[in-house]
PDB file of N, CA and C in Angstrom:
ATOM      1  N   MET A   1      55.830   5.864  81.136  1.00  0.00           N
ATOM      2  CA  MET A   1      54.473   5.618  81.401  1.00  0.00           C
ATOM      3  C   MET A   1      54.794   4.669  82.344  1.00  0.00           C
ATOM      4  N   LEU A   2      53.801   5.033  83.816  1.00  0.00           N
ATOM      5  CA  LEU A   2      53.994   4.256  84.796  1.00  0.00           C
ATOM      6  C   LEU A   2      53.006   3.011  84.811  1.00  0.00           C
ATOM      7  N   THR A   3      53.310   1.670  84.684  1.00  0.00           N
ATOM      8  CA  THR A   3      52.727   0.708  84.916  1.00  0.00           C
ATOM      9  C   THR A   3      52.396  -0.197  86.050  1.00  0.00           C
ATOM     10  N   ILE A   4      51.620  -1.054  86.287  1.00  0.00           N
ATOM     11  CA  ILE A   4      51.277  -1.835  87.228  1.00  0.00           C
ATOM     12  C   ILE A   4      53.035  -2.496  87.579  1.00  0.00           C
ATOM     13  N   GLU A   5      53.433  -3.182  86.504  1.00  0.00           N
ATOM     14  CA  GLU A   5      54.722  -3.769  86.351  1.00  0.00           C
ATOM     15  C   GLU A   5      55.957  -2.932  87.026  1.00  0.00           C
ATOM     16  N   LYS A   6      55.974  -1.719  86.546  1.00  0.00           N
ATOM     17  CA  LYS A   6      56.934  -0.617  86.870  1.00  0.00           C
ATOM     18  C   LYS A   6      56.898  -0.337  88.509  1.00  0.00           C
ATOM     19  N   LEU A   7      55.639   0.272  88.846  1.00  0.00           N
ATOM     20  CA  LEU A   7      55.446   0.478  90.039  1.00  0.00           C
ATOM     21  C   LEU A   7      56.297  -0.591  91.166  1.00  0.00           C
ATOM     22  N   ASP A   8      55.694  -1.925  90.793  1.00  0.00           N
ATOM     23  CA  ASP A   8      56.326  -3.323  91.637  1.00  0.00           C
ATOM     24  C   ASP A   8      57.772  -3.111  91.651  1.00  0.00           C
ATOM     25  N   GLU A   9      58.208  -2.937  90.249  1.00  0.00           N
ATOM     26  CA  GLU A   9      59.844  -2.691  90.237  1.00  0.00           C
ATOM     27  C   GLU A   9      60.382  -1.726  91.283  1.00  0.00           C
ATOM     28  N   LEU A  10      59.608  -0.546  91.316  1.00  0.00           N
ATOM     29  CA  LEU A  10      59.993   0.600  92.184  1.00  0.00           C
ATOM     30  C   LEU A  10      59.668   0.599  93.451  1.00  0.00           C
ATOM     31  N   GLY A  11      59.199  -0.739  93.840  1.00  0.00           N
ATOM     32  CA  GLY A  11      59.016  -1.229  95.262  1.00  0.00           C
ATOM     33  C   GLY A  11      57.429  -0.829  96.009  1.00  0.00           C
ATOM     34  N   CYS A  12      56.822  -0.451  95.153  1.00  0.00           N
ATOM     35  CA  CYS A  12      55.243  -0.374  95.354  1.00  0.00           C
ATOM     36  C   CYS A  12      54.613  -1.795  95.981  1.00  0.00           C
ATOM     37  N   ASP A  13      53.552  -1.502  96.529  1.00  0.00           N
ATOM     38  CA  ASP A  13      52.604  -2.634  96.881  1.00  0.00           C
ATOM     39  C   ASP A  13      51.541  -2.644  96.147  1.00  0.00           C
ATOM     40  N   THR A  14      51.542  -2.841  94.967  1.00  0.00           N
ATOM     41  CA  THR A  14      50.389  -2.298  94.036  1.00  0.00           C
ATOM     42  C   THR A  14      49.137  -3.107  94.469  1.00  0.00           C
ATOM     43  N   SER A  15      49.062  -4.521  94.757  1.00  0.00           N
ATOM     44  CA  SER A  15      48.222  -5.393  95.219  1.00  0.00           C
ATOM     45  C   SER A  15      47.523  -4.618  96.324  1.00  0.00           C
ATOM     46  N   ASP A  16      48.063  -4.195  97.103  1.00  0.00           N
ATOM     47  CA  ASP A  16      47.384  -3.515  98.267  1.00  0.00           C
ATOM     48  C   ASP A  16      46.853  -2.285  97.898  1.00  0.00           C
ATOM     49  N   GLY A  17      47.296  -1.482  96.844  1.00  0.00           N
ATOM     50  CA  GLY A  17      46.738  -0.099  96.298  1.00  0.00           C
ATOM     51  C   GLY A  17      45.735  -0.584  95.527  1.00  0.00           C
ATOM     52  N   LEU A  18      46.027  -1.436  94.529  1.00  0.00           N
ATOM     53  CA  LEU A  18      44.514  -2.061  93.872  1.00  0.00           C
ATOM     54  C   LEU A  18      43.498  -2.474  94.376  1.00  0.00           C
ATOM     55  N   LYS A  19      43.602  -3.023  95.744  1.00  0.00           N
ATOM     56  CA  LYS A  19      42.374  -3.408  96.800  1.00  0.00           C
ATOM     57  C   LYS A  19      41.698  -2.502  96.908  1.00  0.00           C
ATOM     58  N   ARG A  20      42.311  -1.212  97.161  1.00  0.00           N
ATOM     59  CA  ARG A  20      41.699   0.098  97.436  1.00  0.00           C
ATOM     60  C   ARG A  20      40.788   0.828  96.648  1.00  0.00           C
ATOM     61  N   CYS A  21      41.042   0.362  95.303  1.00  0.00           N
ATOM     62  CA  CYS A  21      40.592   0.582  94.056  1.00  0.00           C
ATOM     63  C   CYS A  21      39.836  -0.234  93.664  1.00  0.00           C
ATOM     64  N   MET A  22      39.211  -1.040  94.317  1.00  0.00           N
ATOM     65  CA  MET A  22      38.266  -2.150  93.420  1.00  0.00           C
ATOM     66  C   MET A  22      38.866  -3.187  92.376  1.00  0.00           C
ATOM     67  N   ASP A  23      40.339  -3.265  92.793  1.00  0.00           N
ATOM     68  CA  ASP A  23      40.994  -3.920  91.671  1.00  0.00           C
ATOM     69  C   ASP A  23      40.915  -3.330  90.211  1.00  0.00           C
ATOM     70  N   ASP A  24      40.610  -2.110  90.454  1.00  0.00           N
ATOM     71  CA  ASP A  24      40.373  -1.342  88.790  1.00  0.00           C
ATOM     72  C   ASP A  24      41.819  -0.773  88.405  1.00  0.00           C
ATOM     73  N   ARG A  25      42.527  -1.500  87.708  1.00  0.00           N
ATOM     74  CA  ARG A  25      43.914  -0.850  87.218  1.00  0.00           C
ATOM     75  C   ARG A  25      43.911   0.333  86.369  1.00  0.00           C
ATOM     76  N   GLU A  26      42.913   0.658  85.520  1.00  0.00           N
ATOM     77  CA  GLU A  26      42.896   1.845  84.985  1.00  0.00           C
ATOM     78  C   GLU A  26      42.546   2.939  86.001  1.00  0.00           C
ATOM     79  N   PHE A  27      41.442   2.658  87.074  1.00  0.00           N
ATOM     80  CA  PHE A  27      41.208   3.687  87.758  1.00  0.00           C
ATOM     81  C   PHE A  27      42.535   4.159  89.056  1.00  0.00           C
ATOM     82  N   TYR A  28      43.157   3.053  89.384  1.00  0.00           N
ATOM     83  CA  TYR A  28      44.213   3.023  90.257  1.00  0.00           C
ATOM     84  C   TYR A  28      45.362   3.963  89.422  1.00  0.00           C
ATOM     85  N   LEU A  29      45.830   3.552  88.069  1.00  0.00           N
ATOM     86  CA  LEU A  29      46.628   4.332  87.527  1.00  0.00           C
ATOM     87  C   LEU A  29      46.335   5.759  87.023  1.00  0.00           C
ATOM     88  N   SER A  30      45.108   5.861  87.040  1.00  0.00           N
ATOM     89  CA  SER A  30      44.625   7.266  86.751  1.00  0.00           C
ATOM     90  C   SER A  30      44.960   8.325  88.083  1.00  0.00           C
ATOM     91  N   LEU A  31      44.890   7.603  89.212  1.00  0.00           N
ATOM     92  CA  LEU A  31      45.152   8.363  90.394  1.00  0.00           C
ATOM     93  C   LEU A  31      46.996   8.519  90.698  1.00  0.00           C
ATOM     94  N   VAL A  32      47.516   7.678  90.200  1.00  0.00           N
ATOM     95  CA  VAL A  32      49.084   7.557  90.470  1.00  0.00           C
ATOM     96  C   VAL A  32      49.975   8.813  90.265  1.00  0.00           C
ATOM     97  N   PRO A  33      49.531   9.156  89.062  1.00  0.00           N
ATOM     98  CA  PRO A  33      50.332  10.668  88.999  1.00  0.00           C
ATOM     99  C   PRO A  33      50.156  11.722  89.861  1.00  0.00           C
ATOM    100  N   GLY A  34      48.800  11.790  90.478  1.00  0.00           N
ATOM    101  CA  GLY A  34      48.502  12.907  91.489  1.00  0.00           C
ATOM    102  C   GLY A  34      49.499  12.631  92.801  1.00  0.00           C
ATOM    103  N   ALA A  35      49.750  11.785  92.544  1.00  0.00           N
ATOM    104  CA  ALA A  35      50.793  11.511  94.089  1.00  0.00           C
ATOM    105  C   ALA A  35      52.014  11.912  93.849  1.00  0.00           C
ATOM    106  N   PHE A  36      52.374  12.489  92.606  1.00  0.00           N
ATOM    107  CA  PHE A  36      53.867  12.760  92.311  1.00  0.00           C
ATOM    108  C   PHE A  36      53.805  14.368  91.737  1.00  0.00           C
ATOM    109  N   ASP A  37      52.910  15.018  91.902  1.00  0.00           N
ATOM    110  CA  ASP A  37      52.652  16.662  91.825  1.00  0.00           C
ATOM    111  C   ASP A  37      53.719  17.371  92.474  1.00  0.00           C
ATOM    112  N   LYS A  38      54.751  18.007  91.618  1.00  0.00           N
ATOM    113  CA  LYS A  38      55.858  18.558  92.521  1.00  0.00           C
ATOM    114  C   LYS A  38      55.412  19.598  93.258  1.00  0.00           C
ATOM    115  N   LYS A  39      54.206  20.037  92.700  1.00  0.00           N
ATOM    116  CA  LYS A  39      54.075  21.527  93.743  1.00  0.00           C
ATOM    117  C   LYS A  39      53.700  21.095  95.139  1.00  0.00           C
ATOM    118  N   ARG A  40      53.081  20.049  95.248  1.00  0.00           N
ATOM    119  CA  ARG A  40      52.948  19.380  96.866  1.00  0.00           C
ATOM    120  C   ARG A  40      54.273  19.204  97.443  1.00  0.00           C
ATOM    121  N   TYR A  41      55.173  18.570  96.791  1.00  0.00           N
ATOM    122  CA  TYR A  41      56.413  18.575  97.422  1.00  0.00           C
ATOM    123  C   TYR A  41      57.211  19.619  97.617  1.00  0.00           C
ATOM    124  N   GLU A  42      57.203  20.643  96.834  1.00  0.00           N
ATOM    125  CA  GLU A  42      57.761  22.125  96.932  1.00  0.00           C
ATOM    126  C   GLU A  42      57.322  22.958  97.999  1.00  0.00           C
ATOM    127  N   ALA A  43      55.900  22.892  97.817  1.00  0.00           N
ATOM    128  CA  ALA A  43      55.103  23.580  99.199  1.00  0.00           C
ATOM    129  C   ALA A  43      55.733  22.983 100.516  1.00  0.00           C
ATOM    130  N   LEU A  44      55.726  21.566 100.722  1.00  0.00           N
ATOM    131  CA  LEU A  44      56.177  20.928 101.831  1.00  0.00           C
ATOM    132  C   LEU A  44      57.552  21.161 102.129  1.00  0.00           C
ATOM    133  N   GLU A  45      58.529  21.316 101.221  1.00  0.00           N
ATOM    134  CA  GLU A  45      59.776  21.670 101.427  1.00  0.00           C
ATOM    135  C   GLU A  45      59.788  23.310 102.129  1.00  0.00           C
ATOM    136  N   LYS A  46      59.083  24.297 101.516  1.00  0.00           N
ATOM    137  CA  LYS A  46      58.974  25.587 101.255  1.00  0.00           C
ATOM    138  C   LYS A  46      58.781  25.779 102.921  1.00  0.00           C
ATOM    139  N   LYS A  47      57.545  25.320 103.458  1.00  0.00           N
ATOM    140  CA  LYS A  47      57.192  25.450 104.844  1.00  0.00           C
ATOM    141  C   LYS A  47      58.124  24.862 105.819  1.00  0.00           C
ATOM    142  N   ILE A  48      58.836  23.885 105.585  1.00  0.00           N
ATOM    143  CA  ILE A  48      59.732  23.220 106.144  1.00  0.00           C
ATOM    144  C   ILE A  48      60.972  24.380 106.313  1.00  0.00           C
ATOM    145  N   ASN A  49      61.322  24.945 105.200  1.00  0.00           N
ATOM    146  CA  ASN A  49      62.415  25.773 105.250  1.00  0.00           C
ATOM    147  C   ASN A  49      62.304  26.918 106.027  1.00  0.00           C
ATOM    148  N   GLU A  50      61.031  27.383 105.927  1.00  0.00           N
ATOM    149  CA  GLU A  50      60.349  28.550 106.532  1.00  0.00           C
ATOM    150  C   GLU A  50      60.148  28.414 108.179  1.00  0.00           C
ATOM    151  N   GLY A  51      60.214  27.249 108.445  1.00  0.00           N
ATOM    152  CA  GLY A  51      60.069  26.981 109.809  1.00  0.00           C
ATOM    153  C   GLY A  51      58.364  26.852 110.030  1.00  0.00           C
ATOM    154  N   ASP A  52      57.791  26.801 109.315  1.00  0.00           N
ATOM    155  CA  ASP A  52      56.224  26.934 109.371  1.00  0.00           C
ATOM    156  C   ASP A  52      55.926  25.366 109.557  1.00  0.00           C
ATOM    157  N   LEU A  53      56.508  24.472 110.834  1.00  0.00           N
ATOM    158  CA  LEU A  53      56.266  23.259 110.914  1.00  0.00           C
ATOM    159  C   LEU A  53      54.728  22.703 111.321  1.00  0.00           C
ATOM    160  N   LYS A  54      53.791  23.567 111.551  1.00  0.00           N
ATOM    161  CA  LYS A  54      52.350  23.236 111.726  1.00  0.00           C
ATOM    162  C   LYS A  54      51.876  23.089 110.279  1.00  0.00           C
ATOM    163  N   ASN A  55      52.021  23.817 109.446  1.00  0.00           N
ATOM    164  CA  ASN A  55      51.365  23.980 108.149  1.00  0.00           C
ATOM    165  C   ASN A  55      51.986  22.596 107.401  1.00  0.00           C
ATOM    166  N   ALA A  56      53.558  22.567 107.653  1.00  0.00           N
ATOM    167  CA  ALA A  56      54.392  21.439 107.125  1.00  0.00           C
ATOM    168  C   ALA A  56      53.675  20.200 107.420  1.00  0.00           C
ATOM    169  N   PHE A  57      53.271  19.858 108.602  1.00  0.00           N
ATOM    170  CA  PHE A  57      52.938  18.830 109.164  1.00  0.00           C
ATOM    171  C   PHE A  57      51.611  18.162 108.317  1.00  0.00           C
ATOM    172  N   GLU A  58      50.764  19.482 108.407  1.00  0.00           N
ATOM    173  CA  GLU A  58      49.181  19.263 107.415  1.00  0.00           C
ATOM    174  C   GLU A  58      49.651  18.769 106.070  1.00  0.00           C
ATOM    175  N   ASP A  59      50.799  19.511 105.041  1.00  0.00           N
ATOM    176  CA  ASP A  59      51.014  19.030 104.008  1.00  0.00           C
ATOM    177  C   ASP A  59      51.486  17.452 103.878  1.00  0.00           C
ATOM    178  N   ALA A  60      52.298  17.339 104.732  1.00  0.00           N
ATOM    179  CA  ALA A  60      52.846  16.004 104.873  1.00  0.00           C
ATOM    180  C   ALA A  60      52.013  14.738 105.247  1.00  0.00           C
ATOM    181  N   HIS A  61      51.015  15.244 106.058  1.00  0.00           N
ATOM    182  CA  HIS A  61      50.100  14.263 106.451  1.00  0.00           C
ATOM    183  C   HIS A  61      49.080  13.868 105.396  1.00  0.00           C
ATOM    184  N   ALA A  62      48.841  15.169 104.662  1.00  0.00           N
ATOM    185  CA  ALA A  62      47.975  14.793 103.168  1.00  0.00           C
ATOM    186  C   ALA A  62      48.553  13.572 102.319  1.00  0.00           C
ATOM    187  N   LEU A  63      49.907  14.264 102.250  1.00  0.00           N
ATOM    188  CA  LEU A  63      50.806  13.335 101.079  1.00  0.00           C
ATOM    189  C   LEU A  63      50.986  12.043 101.658  1.00  0.00           C
ATOM    190  N   LYS A  64      50.895  11.682 103.049  1.00  0.00           N
ATOM    191  CA  LYS A  64      51.012  10.320 103.701  1.00  0.00           C
ATOM    192  C   LYS A  64      49.949   9.667 103.227  1.00  0.00           C
ATOM    193  N   GLY A  65      48.633  10.350 103.461  1.00  0.00           N
ATOM    194  CA  GLY A  65      47.346   9.526 103.059  1.00  0.00           C
ATOM    195  C   GLY A  65      47.278   8.940 101.655  1.00  0.00           C
ATOM    196  N   VAL A  66      47.876   9.824 100.674  1.00  0.00           N
ATOM    197  CA  VAL A  66      47.723   9.701  99.227  1.00  0.00           C
ATOM    198  C   VAL A  66      48.475   8.389  99.108  1.00  0.00           C
ATOM    199  N   LEU A  67      49.904   8.699  99.599  1.00  0.00           N
ATOM    200  CA  LEU A  67      50.842   7.594  99.171  1.00  0.00           C
ATOM    201  C   LEU A  67      50.511   6.424  99.764  1.00  0.00           C
ATOM    202  N   SER A  68      49.950   6.336 101.132  1.00  0.00           N
ATOM    203  CA  SER A  68      49.368   5.167 101.596  1.00  0.00           C
ATOM    204  C   SER A  68      48.354   4.438 100.946  1.00  0.00           C
ATOM    205  N   ASN A  69      47.406   5.102 100.770  1.00  0.00           N
ATOM    206  CA  ASN A  69      46.113   4.334  99.729  1.00  0.00           C
ATOM    207  C   ASN A  69      46.422   4.246  98.661  1.00  0.00           C
ATOM    208  N   LEU A  70      47.508   4.692  97.971  1.00  0.00           N
ATOM    209  CA  LEU A  70      47.775   4.081  96.773  1.00  0.00           C
ATOM    210  C   LEU A  70      49.083   3.095  96.917  1.00  0.00           C
ATOM    211  N   ALA A  71      49.709   2.785  98.006  1.00  0.00           N
ATOM    212  CA  ALA A  71      50.540   1.788  98.267  1.00  0.00           C
ATOM    213  C   ALA A  71      52.041   1.971  97.700  1.00  0.00           C
ATOM    214  N   ILE A  72      52.176   3.483  97.532  1.00  0.00           N
ATOM    215  CA  ILE A  72      53.699   3.716  96.862  1.00  0.00           C
ATOM    216  C   ILE A  72      54.533   3.883  98.117  1.00  0.00           C
ATOM    217  N   THR A  73      54.925   2.776  98.526  1.00  0.00           N
ATOM    218  CA  THR A  73      55.731   2.566  99.541  1.00  0.00           C
ATOM    219  C   THR A  73      57.009   3.230  99.718  1.00  0.00           C
ATOM    220  N   PRO A  74      57.782   3.399  98.694  1.00  0.00           N
ATOM    221  CA  PRO A  74      59.055   4.048  98.904  1.00  0.00           C
ATOM    222  C   PRO A  74      59.102   5.434  99.197  1.00  0.00           C
ATOM    223  N   LEU A  75      57.936   6.038  98.594  1.00  0.00           N
ATOM    224  CA  LEU A  75      57.861   7.474  98.933  1.00  0.00           C
ATOM    225  C   LEU A  75      56.989   7.722 100.163  1.00  0.00           C
ATOM    226  N   PHE A  76      56.267   6.770 100.716  1.00  0.00           N
ATOM    227  CA  PHE A  76      55.425   6.755 101.758  1.00  0.00           C
ATOM    228  C   PHE A  76      56.454   6.506 102.861  1.00  0.00           C
ATOM    229  N   ASP A  77      57.316   5.855 102.919  1.00  0.00           N
ATOM    230  CA  ASP A  77      58.354   5.570 103.940  1.00  0.00           C
ATOM    231  C   ASP A  77      59.117   6.914 104.475  1.00  0.00           C
ATOM    232  N   VAL A  78      59.345   7.759 103.426  1.00  0.00           N
ATOM    233  CA  VAL A  78      60.225   8.943 103.489  1.00  0.00           C
ATOM    234  C   VAL A  78      59.130  10.127 104.216  1.00  0.00           C
ATOM    235  N   ILE A  79      58.154  10.099 103.495  1.00  0.00           N
ATOM    236  CA  ILE A  79      57.185  10.960 104.032  1.00  0.00           C
ATOM    237  C   ILE A  79      56.617  10.610 105.642  1.00  0.00           C
ATOM    238  N   ASN A  80      56.298   9.600 105.586  1.00  0.00           N
ATOM    239  CA  ASN A  80      55.855   9.068 106.977  1.00  0.00           C
ATOM    240  C   ASN A  80      56.647   9.452 108.070  1.00  0.00           C
ATOM    241  N   ARG A  81      58.193   9.184 108.089  1.00  0.00           N
ATOM    242  CA  ARG A  81      59.366   9.711 108.907  1.00  0.00           C
ATOM    243  C   ARG A  81      58.953  11.123 109.116  1.00  0.00           C
ATOM    244  N   MET A  82      59.278  11.826 107.954  1.00  0.00           N
ATOM    245  CA  MET A  82      58.984  13.274 108.084  1.00  0.00           C
ATOM    246  C   MET A  82      57.726  13.709 108.712  1.00  0.00           C
ATOM    247  N   THR A  83      56.595  13.116 108.663  1.00  0.00           N
ATOM    248  CA  THR A  83      55.277  13.319 109.161  1.00  0.00           C
ATOM    249  C   THR A  83      55.646  13.313 110.815  1.00  0.00           C
ATOM    250  N   GLU A  84      55.889  12.261 111.057  1.00  0.00           N
ATOM    251  CA  GLU A  84      55.950  12.135 112.568  1.00  0.00           C
ATOM    252  C   GLU A  84      56.841  12.691 113.343  1.00  0.00           C
ATOM    253  N   LEU A  85      58.114  13.437 112.643  1.00  0.00           N
ATOM    254  CA  LEU A  85      58.666  14.396 113.361  1.00  0.00           C
ATOM    255  C   LEU A  85      57.912  15.970 113.067  1.00  0.00           C
ATOM    256  N   LEU A  86      57.487  16.165 112.342  1.00  0.00           N
ATOM    257  CA  LEU A  86      56.615  17.516 112.244  1.00  0.00           C
ATOM    258  C   LEU A  86      55.655  17.390 112.972  1.00  0.00           C
ATOM    259  N   ARG A  87      54.761  16.025 113.287  1.00  0.00           N
ATOM    260  CA  ARG A  87      53.805  16.179 114.309  1.00  0.00           C
ATOM    261  C   ARG A  87      54.237  16.412 115.632  1.00  0.00           C
ATOM    262  N   ALA A  88      55.257  16.318 116.066  1.00  0.00           N
ATOM    263  CA  ALA A  88      56.032  16.235 117.465  1.00  0.00           C
ATOM    264  C   ALA A  88      56.553  17.752 117.326  1.00  0.00           C
ATOM    265  N   GLY A  89      56.363  18.644 116.392  1.00  0.00           N
ATOM    266  CA  GLY A  89      56.901  19.816 116.202  1.00  0.00           C
ATOM    267  C   GLY A  89      58.530  19.661 116.368  1.00  0.00           C
ATOM    268  N   GLU A  90      59.306  18.835 116.074  1.00  0.00           N
ATOM    269  CA  GLU A  90      60.483  18.310 116.192  1.00  0.00           C
ATOM    270  C   GLU A  90      61.511  19.537 115.424  1.00  0.00           C
ATOM    271  N   LYS A  91      62.064  20.484 115.807  1.00  0.00           N
ATOM    272  CA  LYS A  91      62.946  21.167 115.061  1.00  0.00           C
ATOM    273  C   LYS A  91      64.543  20.646 114.909  1.00  0.00           C
ATOM    274  N   VAL A  92      64.360  19.880 113.795  1.00  0.00           N
ATOM    275  CA  VAL A  92      65.599  19.090 113.533  1.00  0.00           C
ATOM    276  C   VAL A  92      66.075  19.541 112.143  1.00  0.00           C
ATOM    277  N   ASP A  93      66.810  18.927 111.863  1.00  0.00           N
ATOM    278  CA  ASP A  93      67.544  19.218 110.326  1.00  0.00           C
ATOM    279  C   ASP A  93      66.655  18.279 109.282  1.00  0.00           C
ATOM    280  N   TYR A  94      65.850  18.780 108.593  1.00  0.00           N
ATOM    281  CA  TYR A  94      65.040  18.043 107.852  1.00  0.00           C
ATOM    282  C   TYR A  94      65.629  17.799 106.447  1.00  0.00           C
ATOM    283  N   GLY A  95      67.086  18.569 106.160  1.00  0.00           N
ATOM    284  CA  GLY A  95      67.930  18.681 104.785  1.00  0.00           C
ATOM    285  C   GLY A  95      67.694  17.006 104.323  1.00  0.00           C
ATOM    286  N   PRO A  96      68.165  16.132 105.291  1.00  0.00           N
ATOM    287  CA  PRO A  96      68.397  14.705 104.833  1.00  0.00           C
ATOM    288  C   PRO A  96      67.257  14.231 104.415  1.00  0.00           C
ATOM    289  N   LEU A  97      66.020  14.394 105.128  1.00  0.00           N
ATOM    290  CA  LEU A  97      64.782  13.745 104.586  1.00  0.00           C
ATOM    291  C   LEU A  97      64.233  14.473 103.515  1.00  0.00           C
ATOM    292  N   ILE A  98      64.432  15.705 103.507  1.00  0.00           N
ATOM    293  CA  ILE A  98      63.959  16.559 102.012  1.00  0.00           C
ATOM    294  C   ILE A  98      64.830  16.104 100.936  1.00  0.00           C
ATOM    295  N   ALA A  99      66.153  15.799 100.952  1.00  0.00           N
ATOM    296  CA  ALA A  99      66.928  15.342  99.987  1.00  0.00           C
ATOM    297  C   ALA A  99      66.364  13.930  99.467  1.00  0.00           C
ATOM    298  N   GLU A 100      66.055  12.881 100.567  1.00  0.00           N
ATOM    299  CA  GLU A 100      65.667  11.837 100.235  1.00  0.00           C
ATOM    300  C   GLU A 100      64.303  11.609  99.453  1.00  0.00           C
ATOM    301  N   MET A 101      63.477  12.592 100.155  1.00  0.00           N
ATOM    302  CA  MET A 101      62.132  12.673  99.340  1.00  0.00           C
ATOM    303  C   MET A 101      62.259  12.793  98.190  1.00  0.00           C
ATOM    304  N   TRP A 102      63.087  14.024  97.538  1.00  0.00           N
ATOM    305  CA  TRP A 102      63.264  14.280  96.133  1.00  0.00           C
ATOM    306  C   TRP A 102      64.061  13.024  95.257  1.00  0.00           C
ATOM    307  N   GLU A 103      65.010  12.326  95.869  1.00  0.00           N
ATOM    308  CA  GLU A 103      65.637  11.403  95.289  1.00  0.00           C
ATOM    309  C   GLU A 103      64.477  10.304  95.218  1.00  0.00           C
ATOM    310  N   VAL A 104      63.706  10.213  95.808  1.00  0.00           N
ATOM    311  CA  VAL A 104      62.655   9.009  95.449  1.00  0.00           C
ATOM    312  C   VAL A 104      61.787   9.245  94.572  1.00  0.00           C
ATOM    313  N   GLN A 105      61.184  10.710  94.914  1.00  0.00           N
ATOM    314  CA  GLN A 105      60.279  11.351  93.953  1.00  0.00           C
ATOM    315  C   GLN A 105      60.661  11.110  92.389  1.00  0.00           C
ATOM    316  N   LYS A 106      61.820  11.556  92.430  1.00  0.00           N
ATOM    317  CA  LYS A 106      62.531  11.366  90.914  1.00  0.00           C
ATOM    318  C   LYS A 106      62.490  10.221  90.317  1.00  0.00           C
ATOM    319  N   LYS A 107      62.826   9.139  91.137  1.00  0.00           N
ATOM    320  CA  LYS A 107      62.804   7.867  90.404  1.00  0.00           C
ATOM    321  C   LYS A 107      61.362   7.522  89.817  1.00  0.00           C
ATOM    322  N   PHE A 108      60.348   8.073  90.352  1.00  0.00           N
ATOM    323  CA  PHE A 108      59.021   8.055  89.997  1.00  0.00           C
ATOM    324  C   PHE A 108      58.606   8.768  88.859  1.00  0.00           C
ATOM    325  N   GLU A 109      58.962   9.877  88.866  1.00  0.00           N
ATOM    326  CA  GLU A 109      58.820  11.010  88.204  1.00  0.00           C
ATOM    327  C   GLU A 109      59.128  10.772  86.578  1.00  0.00           C
ATOM    328  N   ILE A 110      60.232  10.271  86.407  1.00  0.00           N
ATOM    329  CA  ILE A 110      61.069   9.984  85.306  1.00  0.00           C
ATOM    330  C   ILE A 110      60.393   8.758  84.586  1.00  0.00           C
ATOM    331  N   ASN A 111      59.300   8.140  85.206  1.00  0.00           N
ATOM    332  CA  ASN A 111      58.377   7.266  84.612  1.00  0.00           C
ATOM    333  C   ASN A 111      57.083   7.505  84.276  1.00  0.00           C
ATOM    334  N   LEU A 112      56.964   8.794  84.612  1.00  0.00           N
ATOM    335  CA  LEU A 112      55.501   9.205  84.335  1.00  0.00           C
ATOM    336  C   LEU A 112      55.217   9.289  82.944  1.00  0.00           C
TER     337      LEU A 112
END
């Protein structure tokens, strides 16, 4: 189970995330699991692998917003880099970013 303390240990800026949730710890913690919904990350990876960069951008941008609002900094950093490449329509090897995304996402998932 993720706690504020565990999120802090994992590199999140929970004080910032809590501010966006009116300092309501229970509310904040109720939103956090949604940020790690594997289906969202799988869909993003699939679109990138299929070369659908426009829709991959939309998915990445939405994830970026969720992660930013909850101040889940380690995963935000990865998705933010990916989002900016996708925004520009860069046809690069996204493999390393996807691998990093899953590595970071897994650190949080095992604590849910």
